[in-house]
Amino acid sequence: MSEISFDDFMKVDIRVGQIIRAEPFPEARKPAIKLWLDFGPELGEKKSSAQITRHYTPEDLPGKRVVAVVNFPPRQIGPVMSEVLLLGVPDDENEVVLLTPDKDVPVGGRMY
């Protein structure tokens, strides 16, 4: 594992977003879900997609607060321009489990 400085870490803008809409993403090469997230008044609404279909359905996700990197450049994923990277950890079967705050925190709140 390589080390980074604290200053390097602080360059990564990690925020809490609330999923406001989720749809199946059948055009993706691997099963995925298209997501629209609210990051509050400073950042507004952003789009993303995530390969999270093992643990989540589009119906489960609206209202859920998640953690995402918001300052990577947008990336084209099939027909979707992904504007943020949702963060998750693989389970024992290497399927993504989303990182979520365990208390009620403001949408758009930055991780320190």
PDB file of N, CA and C in Angstrom:
ATOM      1  N   MET A   1       0.850  -1.170   0.000  1.00  0.00           N
ATOM      2  CA  MET A   1       0.000   0.000   0.000  1.00  0.00           C
ATOM      3  C   MET A   1       0.900   1.237   0.000  1.00  0.00           C
ATOM      4  N   SER A   2       0.596   2.169  -0.890  1.00  0.00           N
ATOM      5  CA  SER A   2       1.385   3.394  -0.935  1.00  0.00           C
ATOM      6  C   SER A   2       0.754   4.448  -0.024  1.00  0.00           C
ATOM      7  N   GLU A   3       1.605   5.286   0.526  1.00  0.00           N
ATOM      8  CA  GLU A   3       1.138   6.327   1.427  1.00  0.00           C
ATOM      9  C   GLU A   3       0.856   7.611   0.644  1.00  0.00           C
ATOM     10  N   ILE A   4      -0.096   8.383   1.141  1.00  0.00           N
ATOM     11  CA  ILE A   4      -0.355   9.720   0.608  1.00  0.00           C
ATOM     12  C   ILE A   4      -0.313  10.690   1.780  1.00  0.00           C
ATOM     13  N   SER A   5      -0.151  11.944   1.463  1.00  0.00           N
ATOM     14  CA  SER A   5      -0.136  12.953   2.524  1.00  0.00           C
ATOM     15  C   SER A   5      -1.574  13.324   2.890  1.00  0.00           C
ATOM     16  N   PHE A   6      -1.721  13.942   4.046  1.00  0.00           N
ATOM     17  CA  PHE A   6      -3.042  14.422   4.445  1.00  0.00           C
ATOM     18  C   PHE A   6      -3.547  15.462   3.456  1.00  0.00           C
ATOM     19  N   ASP A   7      -2.640  16.306   2.947  1.00  0.00           N
ATOM     20  CA  ASP A   7      -3.037  17.306   1.954  1.00  0.00           C
ATOM     21  C   ASP A   7      -3.599  16.643   0.696  1.00  0.00           C
ATOM     22  N   ASP A   8      -2.975  15.521   0.267  1.00  0.00           N
ATOM     23  CA  ASP A   8      -3.499  14.783  -0.885  1.00  0.00           C
ATOM     24  C   ASP A   8      -4.901  14.250  -0.590  1.00  0.00           C
ATOM     25  N   PHE A   9      -5.092  13.702   0.603  1.00  0.00           N
ATOM     26  CA  PHE A   9      -6.404  13.176   0.986  1.00  0.00           C
ATOM     27  C   PHE A   9      -7.464  14.279   0.951  1.00  0.00           C
ATOM     28  N   MET A  10      -7.105  15.462   1.414  1.00  0.00           N
ATOM     29  CA  MET A  10      -8.074  16.553   1.475  1.00  0.00           C
ATOM     30  C   MET A  10      -8.473  17.065   0.091  1.00  0.00           C
ATOM     31  N   LYS A  11      -7.724  16.704  -0.938  1.00  0.00           N
ATOM     32  CA  LYS A  11      -8.093  17.077  -2.304  1.00  0.00           C
ATOM     33  C   LYS A  11      -9.292  16.271  -2.800  1.00  0.00           C
ATOM     34  N   VAL A  12      -9.535  15.118  -2.189  1.00  0.00           N
ATOM     35  CA  VAL A  12     -10.673  14.284  -2.582  1.00  0.00           C
ATOM     36  C   VAL A  12     -11.904  14.806  -1.841  1.00  0.00           C
ATOM     37  N   ASP A  13     -12.878  15.283  -2.602  1.00  0.00           N
ATOM     38  CA  ASP A  13     -14.089  15.867  -2.020  1.00  0.00           C
ATOM     39  C   ASP A  13     -15.148  14.763  -1.899  1.00  0.00           C
ATOM     40  N   ILE A  14     -15.324  14.288  -0.683  1.00  0.00           N
ATOM     41  CA  ILE A  14     -16.267  13.197  -0.397  1.00  0.00           C
ATOM     42  C   ILE A  14     -17.445  13.798   0.345  1.00  0.00           C
ATOM     43  N   ARG A  15     -18.634  13.622  -0.232  1.00  0.00           N
ATOM     44  CA  ARG A  15     -19.849  14.249   0.325  1.00  0.00           C
ATOM     45  C   ARG A  15     -20.968  13.229   0.502  1.00  0.00           C
ATOM     46  N   VAL A  16     -21.937  13.626   1.322  1.00  0.00           N
ATOM     47  CA  VAL A  16     -23.158  12.844   1.499  1.00  0.00           C
ATOM     48  C   VAL A  16     -24.184  13.332   0.484  1.00  0.00           C
ATOM     49  N   GLY A  17     -24.748  12.399  -0.255  1.00  0.00           N
ATOM     50  CA  GLY A  17     -25.815  12.710  -1.193  1.00  0.00           C
ATOM     51  C   GLY A  17     -27.033  11.861  -0.888  1.00  0.00           C
ATOM     52  N   GLN A  18     -28.182  12.352  -1.274  1.00  0.00           N
ATOM     53  CA  GLN A  18     -29.416  11.590  -1.097  1.00  0.00           C
ATOM     54  C   GLN A  18     -29.922  11.173  -2.465  1.00  0.00           C
ATOM     55  N   ILE A  19     -30.169   9.884  -2.607  1.00  0.00           N
ATOM     56  CA  ILE A  19     -30.679   9.373  -3.881  1.00  0.00           C
ATOM     57  C   ILE A  19     -32.115   9.849  -4.048  1.00  0.00           C
ATOM     58  N   ILE A  20     -32.373  10.542  -5.163  1.00  0.00           N
ATOM     59  CA  ILE A  20     -33.718  11.053  -5.398  1.00  0.00           C
ATOM     60  C   ILE A  20     -34.444  10.238  -6.467  1.00  0.00           C
ATOM     61  N   ARG A  21     -33.682   9.518  -7.295  1.00  0.00           N
ATOM     62  CA  ARG A  21     -34.299   8.692  -8.338  1.00  0.00           C
ATOM     63  C   ARG A  21     -33.335   7.575  -8.708  1.00  0.00           C
ATOM     64  N   ALA A  22     -33.863   6.416  -9.023  1.00  0.00           N
ATOM     65  CA  ALA A  22     -33.051   5.272  -9.442  1.00  0.00           C
ATOM     66  C   ALA A  22     -33.824   4.487 -10.500  1.00  0.00           C
ATOM     67  N   GLU A  23     -33.108   4.063 -11.532  1.00  0.00           N
ATOM     68  CA  GLU A  23     -33.722   3.306 -12.627  1.00  0.00           C
ATOM     69  C   GLU A  23     -32.808   2.153 -13.043  1.00  0.00           C
ATOM     70  N   PRO A  24     -33.384   1.098 -13.580  1.00  0.00           N
ATOM     71  CA  PRO A  24     -32.544   0.035 -14.142  1.00  0.00           C
ATOM     72  C   PRO A  24     -31.650   0.616 -15.243  1.00  0.00           C
ATOM     73  N   PHE A  25     -30.511  -0.023 -15.454  1.00  0.00           N
ATOM     74  CA  PHE A  25     -29.564   0.410 -16.476  1.00  0.00           C
ATOM     75  C   PHE A  25     -29.244  -0.791 -17.377  1.00  0.00           C
ATOM     76  N   PRO A  26     -30.217  -1.198 -18.210  1.00  0.00           N
ATOM     77  CA  PRO A  26     -30.044  -2.415 -19.009  1.00  0.00           C
ATOM     78  C   PRO A  26     -28.953  -2.294 -20.068  1.00  0.00           C
ATOM     79  N   GLU A  27     -28.572  -1.073 -20.446  1.00  0.00           N
ATOM     80  CA  GLU A  27     -27.546  -0.886 -21.474  1.00  0.00           C
ATOM     81  C   GLU A  27     -26.132  -1.149 -20.938  1.00  0.00           C
ATOM     82  N   ALA A  28     -25.955  -1.200 -19.635  1.00  0.00           N
ATOM     83  CA  ALA A  28     -24.635  -1.407 -19.038  1.00  0.00           C
ATOM     84  C   ALA A  28     -24.123  -2.817 -19.337  1.00  0.00           C
ATOM     85  N   ARG A  29     -22.808  -2.932 -19.461  1.00  0.00           N
ATOM     86  CA  ARG A  29     -22.201  -4.254 -19.720  1.00  0.00           C
ATOM     87  C   ARG A  29     -22.429  -5.208 -18.566  1.00  0.00           C
ATOM     88  N   LYS A  30     -22.307  -4.712 -17.333  1.00  0.00           N
ATOM     89  CA  LYS A  30     -22.580  -5.504 -16.130  1.00  0.00           C
ATOM     90  C   LYS A  30     -23.823  -4.915 -15.486  1.00  0.00           C
ATOM     91  N   PRO A  31     -24.620  -5.727 -14.805  1.00  0.00           N
ATOM     92  CA  PRO A  31     -25.850  -5.204 -14.189  1.00  0.00           C
ATOM     93  C   PRO A  31     -25.565  -3.981 -13.320  1.00  0.00           C
ATOM     94  N   ALA A  32     -26.337  -2.922 -13.561  1.00  0.00           N
ATOM     95  CA  ALA A  32     -26.122  -1.659 -12.850  1.00  0.00           C
ATOM     96  C   ALA A  32     -27.437  -0.910 -12.704  1.00  0.00           C
ATOM     97  N   ILE A  33     -27.385   0.155 -11.920  1.00  0.00           N
ATOM     98  CA  ILE A  33     -28.533   1.020 -11.678  1.00  0.00           C
ATOM     99  C   ILE A  33     -28.110   2.461 -11.964  1.00  0.00           C
ATOM    100  N   LYS A  34     -28.957   3.215 -12.687  1.00  0.00           N
ATOM    101  CA  LYS A  34     -28.740   4.646 -12.903  1.00  0.00           C
ATOM    102  C   LYS A  34     -29.300   5.392 -11.695  1.00  0.00           C
ATOM    103  N   LEU A  35     -28.552   6.404 -11.251  1.00  0.00           N
ATOM    104  CA  LEU A  35     -28.932   7.127 -10.037  1.00  0.00           C
ATOM    105  C   LEU A  35     -28.864   8.630 -10.247  1.00  0.00           C
ATOM    106  N   TRP A  36     -29.793   9.328  -9.620  1.00  0.00           N
ATOM    107  CA  TRP A  36     -29.784  10.790  -9.540  1.00  0.00           C
ATOM    108  C   TRP A  36     -29.713  11.116  -8.057  1.00  0.00           C
ATOM    109  N   LEU A  37     -28.748  11.951  -7.693  1.00  0.00           N
ATOM    110  CA  LEU A  37     -28.504  12.243  -6.280  1.00  0.00           C
ATOM    111  C   LEU A  37     -28.539  13.739  -6.019  1.00  0.00           C
ATOM    112  N   ASP A  38     -29.040  14.113  -4.859  1.00  0.00           N
ATOM    113  CA  ASP A  38     -29.066  15.508  -4.418  1.00  0.00           C
ATOM    114  C   ASP A  38     -27.911  15.713  -3.445  1.00  0.00           C
ATOM    115  N   PHE A  39     -27.030  16.679  -3.766  1.00  0.00           N
ATOM    116  CA  PHE A  39     -25.911  17.015  -2.895  1.00  0.00           C
ATOM    117  C   PHE A  39     -26.080  18.392  -2.266  1.00  0.00           C
ATOM    118  N   GLY A  40     -27.314  18.861  -2.166  1.00  0.00           N
ATOM    119  CA  GLY A  40     -27.581  20.121  -1.496  1.00  0.00           C
ATOM    120  C   GLY A  40     -27.376  21.326  -2.392  1.00  0.00           C
ATOM    121  N   PRO A  41     -27.588  22.529  -1.835  1.00  0.00           N
ATOM    122  CA  PRO A  41     -27.576  23.750  -2.649  1.00  0.00           C
ATOM    123  C   PRO A  41     -26.222  24.067  -3.281  1.00  0.00           C
ATOM    124  N   GLU A  42     -25.126  23.675  -2.650  1.00  0.00           N
ATOM    125  CA  GLU A  42     -23.803  24.005  -3.193  1.00  0.00           C
ATOM    126  C   GLU A  42     -23.494  23.231  -4.473  1.00  0.00           C
ATOM    127  N   LEU A  43     -23.835  21.951  -4.518  1.00  0.00           N
ATOM    128  CA  LEU A  43     -23.497  21.095  -5.662  1.00  0.00           C
ATOM    129  C   LEU A  43     -24.698  20.701  -6.512  1.00  0.00           C
ATOM    130  N   GLY A  44     -25.878  20.703  -5.915  1.00  0.00           N
ATOM    131  CA  GLY A  44     -27.084  20.362  -6.663  1.00  0.00           C
ATOM    132  C   GLY A  44     -27.213  18.878  -6.984  1.00  0.00           C
ATOM    133  N   GLU A  45     -27.928  18.594  -8.076  1.00  0.00           N
ATOM    134  CA  GLU A  45     -28.214  17.222  -8.489  1.00  0.00           C
ATOM    135  C   GLU A  45     -27.104  16.707  -9.399  1.00  0.00           C
ATOM    136  N   LYS A  46     -26.705  15.462  -9.157  1.00  0.00           N
ATOM    137  CA  LYS A  46     -25.673  14.800  -9.963  1.00  0.00           C
ATOM    138  C   LYS A  46     -26.166  13.413 -10.355  1.00  0.00           C
ATOM    139  N   LYS A  47     -25.624  12.913 -11.488  1.00  0.00           N
ATOM    140  CA  LYS A  47     -25.986  11.567 -11.970  1.00  0.00           C
ATOM    141  C   LYS A  47     -24.821  10.615 -11.763  1.00  0.00           C
ATOM    142  N   SER A  48     -25.164   9.333 -11.658  1.00  0.00           N
ATOM    143  CA  SER A  48     -24.148   8.299 -11.570  1.00  0.00           C
ATOM    144  C   SER A  48     -24.774   6.968 -11.959  1.00  0.00           C
ATOM    145  N   SER A  49     -23.954   5.959 -12.016  1.00  0.00           N
ATOM    146  CA  SER A  49     -24.440   4.589 -12.150  1.00  0.00           C
ATOM    147  C   SER A  49     -23.579   3.725 -11.252  1.00  0.00           C
ATOM    148  N   ALA A  50     -24.137   2.617 -10.808  1.00  0.00           N
ATOM    149  CA  ALA A  50     -23.392   1.757  -9.895  1.00  0.00           C
ATOM    150  C   ALA A  50     -23.792   0.298 -10.101  1.00  0.00           C
ATOM    151  N   GLN A  51     -22.805  -0.565  -9.992  1.00  0.00           N
ATOM    152  CA  GLN A  51     -23.035  -2.008 -10.100  1.00  0.00           C
ATOM    153  C   GLN A  51     -23.375  -2.544  -8.712  1.00  0.00           C
ATOM    154  N   ILE A  52     -24.613  -2.294  -8.310  1.00  0.00           N
ATOM    155  CA  ILE A  52     -25.058  -2.609  -6.946  1.00  0.00           C
ATOM    156  C   ILE A  52     -26.316  -3.470  -6.938  1.00  0.00           C
ATOM    157  N   THR A  53     -26.582  -4.147  -8.055  1.00  0.00           N
ATOM    158  CA  THR A  53     -27.857  -4.853  -8.194  1.00  0.00           C
ATOM    159  C   THR A  53     -27.985  -6.085  -7.305  1.00  0.00           C
ATOM    160  N   ARG A  54     -26.906  -6.586  -6.756  1.00  0.00           N
ATOM    161  CA  ARG A  54     -26.991  -7.755  -5.882  1.00  0.00           C
ATOM    162  C   ARG A  54     -27.707  -7.433  -4.574  1.00  0.00           C
ATOM    163  N   HIS A  55     -27.445  -6.225  -4.040  1.00  0.00           N
ATOM    164  CA  HIS A  55     -28.007  -5.857  -2.734  1.00  0.00           C
ATOM    165  C   HIS A  55     -29.113  -4.818  -2.797  1.00  0.00           C
ATOM    166  N   TYR A  56     -29.300  -4.172  -3.976  1.00  0.00           N
ATOM    167  CA  TYR A  56     -30.251  -3.068  -4.063  1.00  0.00           C
ATOM    168  C   TYR A  56     -31.082  -3.183  -5.331  1.00  0.00           C
ATOM    169  N   THR A  57     -32.310  -2.682  -5.258  1.00  0.00           N
ATOM    170  CA  THR A  57     -33.154  -2.532  -6.441  1.00  0.00           C
ATOM    171  C   THR A  57     -33.443  -1.046  -6.603  1.00  0.00           C
ATOM    172  N   PRO A  58     -33.826  -0.611  -7.804  1.00  0.00           N
ATOM    173  CA  PRO A  58     -34.164   0.806  -7.980  1.00  0.00           C
ATOM    174  C   PRO A  58     -35.254   1.286  -7.009  1.00  0.00           C
ATOM    175  N   GLU A  59     -36.142   0.400  -6.634  1.00  0.00           N
ATOM    176  CA  GLU A  59     -37.230   0.775  -5.714  1.00  0.00           C
ATOM    177  C   GLU A  59     -36.724   1.000  -4.290  1.00  0.00           C
ATOM    178  N   ASP A  60     -35.626   0.338  -3.906  1.00  0.00           N
ATOM    179  CA  ASP A  60     -35.063   0.455  -2.548  1.00  0.00           C
ATOM    180  C   ASP A  60     -34.335   1.763  -2.306  1.00  0.00           C
ATOM    181  N   LEU A  61     -33.862   2.392  -3.360  1.00  0.00           N
ATOM    182  CA  LEU A  61     -32.841   3.421  -3.210  1.00  0.00           C
ATOM    183  C   LEU A  61     -33.305   4.853  -2.968  1.00  0.00           C
ATOM    184  N   PRO A  62     -34.415   5.332  -3.548  1.00  0.00           N
ATOM    185  CA  PRO A  62     -34.792   6.727  -3.292  1.00  0.00           C
ATOM    186  C   PRO A  62     -34.928   7.014  -1.795  1.00  0.00           C
ATOM    187  N   GLY A  63     -34.329   8.135  -1.380  1.00  0.00           N
ATOM    188  CA  GLY A  63     -34.338   8.534   0.028  1.00  0.00           C
ATOM    189  C   GLY A  63     -33.098   8.102   0.780  1.00  0.00           C
ATOM    190  N   LYS A  64     -32.354   7.146   0.247  1.00  0.00           N
ATOM    191  CA  LYS A  64     -31.155   6.642   0.917  1.00  0.00           C
ATOM    192  C   LYS A  64     -30.029   7.669   0.803  1.00  0.00           C
ATOM    193  N   ARG A  65     -29.333   7.885   1.906  1.00  0.00           N
ATOM    194  CA  ARG A  65     -28.159   8.771   1.903  1.00  0.00           C
ATOM    195  C   ARG A  65     -26.917   7.917   1.736  1.00  0.00           C
ATOM    196  N   VAL A  66     -26.045   8.351   0.838  1.00  0.00           N
ATOM    197  CA  VAL A  66     -24.842   7.609   0.494  1.00  0.00           C
ATOM    198  C   VAL A  66     -23.641   8.550   0.489  1.00  0.00           C
ATOM    199  N   VAL A  67     -22.460   7.976   0.397  1.00  0.00           N
ATOM    200  CA  VAL A  67     -21.215   8.732   0.379  1.00  0.00           C
ATOM    201  C   VAL A  67     -20.610   8.608  -1.014  1.00  0.00           C
ATOM    202  N   ALA A  68     -20.149   9.746  -1.574  1.00  0.00           N
ATOM    203  CA  ALA A  68     -19.626   9.749  -2.932  1.00  0.00           C
ATOM    204  C   ALA A  68     -18.491  10.751  -3.089  1.00  0.00           C
ATOM    205  N   VAL A  69     -17.594  10.457  -4.021  1.00  0.00           N
ATOM    206  CA  VAL A  69     -16.568  11.423  -4.432  1.00  0.00           C
ATOM    207  C   VAL A  69     -17.218  12.312  -5.480  1.00  0.00           C
ATOM    208  N   VAL A  70     -17.144  13.632  -5.269  1.00  0.00           N
ATOM    209  CA  VAL A  70     -17.848  14.555  -6.162  1.00  0.00           C
ATOM    210  C   VAL A  70     -16.922  15.399  -7.032  1.00  0.00           C
ATOM    211  N   ASN A  71     -15.606  15.233  -6.889  1.00  0.00           N
ATOM    212  CA  ASN A  71     -14.717  16.089  -7.682  1.00  0.00           C
ATOM    213  C   ASN A  71     -13.828  15.325  -8.670  1.00  0.00           C
ATOM    214  N   PHE A  72     -14.230  14.115  -9.059  1.00  0.00           N
ATOM    215  CA  PHE A  72     -13.598  13.461 -10.202  1.00  0.00           C
ATOM    216  C   PHE A  72     -14.210  14.043 -11.467  1.00  0.00           C
ATOM    217  N   PRO A  73     -13.481  14.034 -12.584  1.00  0.00           N
ATOM    218  CA  PRO A  73     -14.102  14.489 -13.837  1.00  0.00           C
ATOM    219  C   PRO A  73     -15.239  13.552 -14.241  1.00  0.00           C
ATOM    220  N   PRO A  74     -16.279  14.068 -14.892  1.00  0.00           N
ATOM    221  CA  PRO A  74     -17.366  13.195 -15.367  1.00  0.00           C
ATOM    222  C   PRO A  74     -16.808  12.106 -16.269  1.00  0.00           C
ATOM    223  N   ARG A  75     -17.472  10.948 -16.246  1.00  0.00           N
ATOM    224  CA  ARG A  75     -17.025   9.785 -17.025  1.00  0.00           C
ATOM    225  C   ARG A  75     -18.214   9.189 -17.755  1.00  0.00           C
ATOM    226  N   GLN A  76     -18.036   8.967 -19.041  1.00  0.00           N
ATOM    227  CA  GLN A  76     -19.104   8.377 -19.855  1.00  0.00           C
ATOM    228  C   GLN A  76     -19.165   6.881 -19.594  1.00  0.00           C
ATOM    229  N   ILE A  77     -20.318   6.388 -19.161  1.00  0.00           N
ATOM    230  CA  ILE A  77     -20.545   4.963 -18.947  1.00  0.00           C
ATOM    231  C   ILE A  77     -21.744   4.593 -19.797  1.00  0.00           C
ATOM    232  N   GLY A  78     -21.480   4.039 -20.987  1.00  0.00           N
ATOM    233  CA  GLY A  78     -22.564   3.784 -21.935  1.00  0.00           C
ATOM    234  C   GLY A  78     -23.244   5.099 -22.247  1.00  0.00           C
ATOM    235  N   PRO A  79     -24.574   5.125 -22.195  1.00  0.00           N
ATOM    236  CA  PRO A  79     -25.289   6.366 -22.497  1.00  0.00           C
ATOM    237  C   PRO A  79     -25.389   7.339 -21.309  1.00  0.00           C
ATOM    238  N   VAL A  80     -24.802   6.987 -20.168  1.00  0.00           N
ATOM    239  CA  VAL A  80     -24.911   7.818 -18.961  1.00  0.00           C
ATOM    240  C   VAL A  80     -23.589   8.534 -18.698  1.00  0.00           C
ATOM    241  N   MET A  81     -23.662   9.839 -18.445  1.00  0.00           N
ATOM    242  CA  MET A  81     -22.497  10.599 -18.006  1.00  0.00           C
ATOM    243  C   MET A  81     -22.487  10.568 -16.486  1.00  0.00           C
ATOM    244  N   SER A  82     -21.571   9.793 -15.916  1.00  0.00           N
ATOM    245  CA  SER A  82     -21.475   9.660 -14.468  1.00  0.00           C
ATOM    246  C   SER A  82     -20.692  10.849 -13.911  1.00  0.00           C
ATOM    247  N   GLU A  83     -21.322  11.593 -12.996  1.00  0.00           N
ATOM    248  CA  GLU A  83     -20.731  12.814 -12.461  1.00  0.00           C
ATOM    249  C   GLU A  83     -20.122  12.636 -11.074  1.00  0.00           C
ATOM    250  N   VAL A  84     -20.462  11.556 -10.393  1.00  0.00           N
ATOM    251  CA  VAL A  84     -19.914  11.277  -9.065  1.00  0.00           C
ATOM    252  C   VAL A  84     -19.622   9.781  -8.960  1.00  0.00           C
ATOM    253  N   LEU A  85     -18.748   9.434  -8.014  1.00  0.00           N
ATOM    254  CA  LEU A  85     -18.411   8.033  -7.763  1.00  0.00           C
ATOM    255  C   LEU A  85     -18.943   7.640  -6.394  1.00  0.00           C
ATOM    256  N   LEU A  86     -19.972   6.791  -6.389  1.00  0.00           N
ATOM    257  CA  LEU A  86     -20.484   6.283  -5.127  1.00  0.00           C
ATOM    258  C   LEU A  86     -19.441   5.376  -4.503  1.00  0.00           C
ATOM    259  N   LEU A  87     -19.353   5.413  -3.179  1.00  0.00           N
ATOM    260  CA  LEU A  87     -18.367   4.603  -2.481  1.00  0.00           C
ATOM    261  C   LEU A  87     -19.041   3.404  -1.829  1.00  0.00           C
ATOM    262  N   GLY A  88     -18.364   2.283  -1.902  1.00  0.00           N
ATOM    263  CA  GLY A  88     -18.873   1.061  -1.318  1.00  0.00           C
ATOM    264  C   GLY A  88     -17.731   0.123  -0.975  1.00  0.00           C
ATOM    265  N   VAL A  89     -18.079  -0.950  -0.303  1.00  0.00           N
ATOM    266  CA  VAL A  89     -17.113  -1.959   0.115  1.00  0.00           C
ATOM    267  C   VAL A  89     -17.645  -3.317  -0.341  1.00  0.00           C
ATOM    268  N   PRO A  90     -16.771  -4.180  -0.879  1.00  0.00           N
ATOM    269  CA  PRO A  90     -17.255  -5.492  -1.305  1.00  0.00           C
ATOM    270  C   PRO A  90     -17.556  -6.397  -0.112  1.00  0.00           C
ATOM    271  N   ASP A  91     -18.618  -7.180  -0.261  1.00  0.00           N
ATOM    272  CA  ASP A  91     -18.943  -8.175   0.760  1.00  0.00           C
ATOM    273  C   ASP A  91     -18.108  -9.439   0.502  1.00  0.00           C
ATOM    274  N   ASP A  92     -18.436 -10.522   1.184  1.00  0.00           N
ATOM    275  CA  ASP A  92     -17.684 -11.774   1.040  1.00  0.00           C
ATOM    276  C   ASP A  92     -17.738 -12.351  -0.373  1.00  0.00           C
ATOM    277  N   GLU A  93     -18.743 -11.959  -1.154  1.00  0.00           N
ATOM    278  CA  GLU A  93     -18.883 -12.455  -2.527  1.00  0.00           C
ATOM    279  C   GLU A  93     -18.459 -11.397  -3.548  1.00  0.00           C
ATOM    280  N   ASN A  94     -17.752 -10.363  -3.078  1.00  0.00           N
ATOM    281  CA  ASN A  94     -17.253  -9.280  -3.917  1.00  0.00           C
ATOM    282  C   ASN A  94     -18.365  -8.431  -4.537  1.00  0.00           C
ATOM    283  N   GLU A  95     -19.508  -8.367  -3.878  1.00  0.00           N
ATOM    284  CA  GLU A  95     -20.620  -7.530  -4.313  1.00  0.00           C
ATOM    285  C   GLU A  95     -20.649  -6.259  -3.472  1.00  0.00           C
ATOM    286  N   VAL A  96     -20.869  -5.119  -4.126  1.00  0.00           N
ATOM    287  CA  VAL A  96     -20.743  -3.817  -3.467  1.00  0.00           C
ATOM    288  C   VAL A  96     -21.871  -3.547  -2.473  1.00  0.00           C
ATOM    289  N   VAL A  97     -21.468  -3.097  -1.287  1.00  0.00           N
ATOM    290  CA  VAL A  97     -22.375  -2.584  -0.265  1.00  0.00           C
ATOM    291  C   VAL A  97     -22.051  -1.102  -0.127  1.00  0.00           C
ATOM    292  N   LEU A  98     -23.034  -0.245  -0.329  1.00  0.00           N
ATOM    293  CA  LEU A  98     -22.822   1.197  -0.297  1.00  0.00           C
ATOM    294  C   LEU A  98     -22.438   1.696   1.089  1.00  0.00           C
ATOM    295  N   LEU A  99     -21.548   2.688   1.111  1.00  0.00           N
ATOM    296  CA  LEU A  99     -21.217   3.356   2.368  1.00  0.00           C
ATOM    297  C   LEU A  99     -22.292   4.392   2.653  1.00  0.00           C
ATOM    298  N   THR A 100     -22.820   4.362   3.864  1.00  0.00           N
ATOM    299  CA  THR A 100     -23.877   5.283   4.262  1.00  0.00           C
ATOM    300  C   THR A 100     -23.583   5.815   5.663  1.00  0.00           C
ATOM    301  N   PRO A 101     -23.969   7.067   5.942  1.00  0.00           N
ATOM    302  CA  PRO A 101     -23.790   7.573   7.303  1.00  0.00           C
ATOM    303  C   PRO A 101     -24.729   6.827   8.257  1.00  0.00           C
ATOM    304  N   ASP A 102     -24.269   6.589   9.477  1.00  0.00           N
ATOM    305  CA  ASP A 102     -25.117   5.860  10.428  1.00  0.00           C
ATOM    306  C   ASP A 102     -25.964   6.788  11.301  1.00  0.00           C
ATOM    307  N   LYS A 103     -25.820   8.087  11.093  1.00  0.00           N
ATOM    308  CA  LYS A 103     -26.660   9.096  11.770  1.00  0.00           C
ATOM    309  C   LYS A 103     -27.210  10.032  10.711  1.00  0.00           C
ATOM    310  N   ASP A 104     -28.222  10.810  11.082  1.00  0.00           N
ATOM    311  CA  ASP A 104     -28.807  11.770  10.150  1.00  0.00           C
ATOM    312  C   ASP A 104     -27.856  12.955  10.010  1.00  0.00           C
ATOM    313  N   VAL A 105     -27.286  13.100   8.822  1.00  0.00           N
ATOM    314  CA  VAL A 105     -26.363  14.203   8.538  1.00  0.00           C
ATOM    315  C   VAL A 105     -26.904  14.990   7.360  1.00  0.00           C
ATOM    316  N   PRO A 106     -26.500  16.260   7.225  1.00  0.00           N
ATOM    317  CA  PRO A 106     -27.031  17.075   6.132  1.00  0.00           C
ATOM    318  C   PRO A 106     -26.571  16.581   4.762  1.00  0.00           C
ATOM    319  N   VAL A 107     -27.472  16.669   3.799  1.00  0.00           N
ATOM    320  CA  VAL A 107     -27.140  16.391   2.408  1.00  0.00           C
ATOM    321  C   VAL A 107     -26.103  17.419   1.979  1.00  0.00           C
ATOM    322  N   GLY A 108     -25.059  16.956   1.312  1.00  0.00           N
ATOM    323  CA  GLY A 108     -23.982  17.841   0.885  1.00  0.00           C
ATOM    324  C   GLY A 108     -22.855  17.953   1.893  1.00  0.00           C
ATOM    325  N   GLY A 109     -23.037  17.367   3.077  1.00  0.00           N
ATOM    326  CA  GLY A 109     -21.996  17.433   4.098  1.00  0.00           C
ATOM    327  C   GLY A 109     -20.717  16.780   3.609  1.00  0.00           C
ATOM    328  N   ARG A 110     -19.587  17.428   3.901  1.00  0.00           N
ATOM    329  CA  ARG A 110     -18.293  16.924   3.441  1.00  0.00           C
ATOM    330  C   ARG A 110     -17.639  16.062   4.509  1.00  0.00           C
ATOM    331  N   MET A 111     -17.043  14.959   4.060  1.00  0.00           N
ATOM    332  CA  MET A 111     -16.305  14.088   4.962  1.00  0.00           C
ATOM    333  C   MET A 111     -14.939  14.695   5.259  1.00  0.00           C
ATOM    334  N   TYR A 112     -14.548  14.649   6.523  1.00  0.00           N
ATOM    335  CA  TYR A 112     -13.224  15.117   6.945  1.00  0.00           C
ATOM    336  C   TYR A 112     -12.506  13.995   7.630  1.00  0.00           C
TER     337      TYR A 112
END
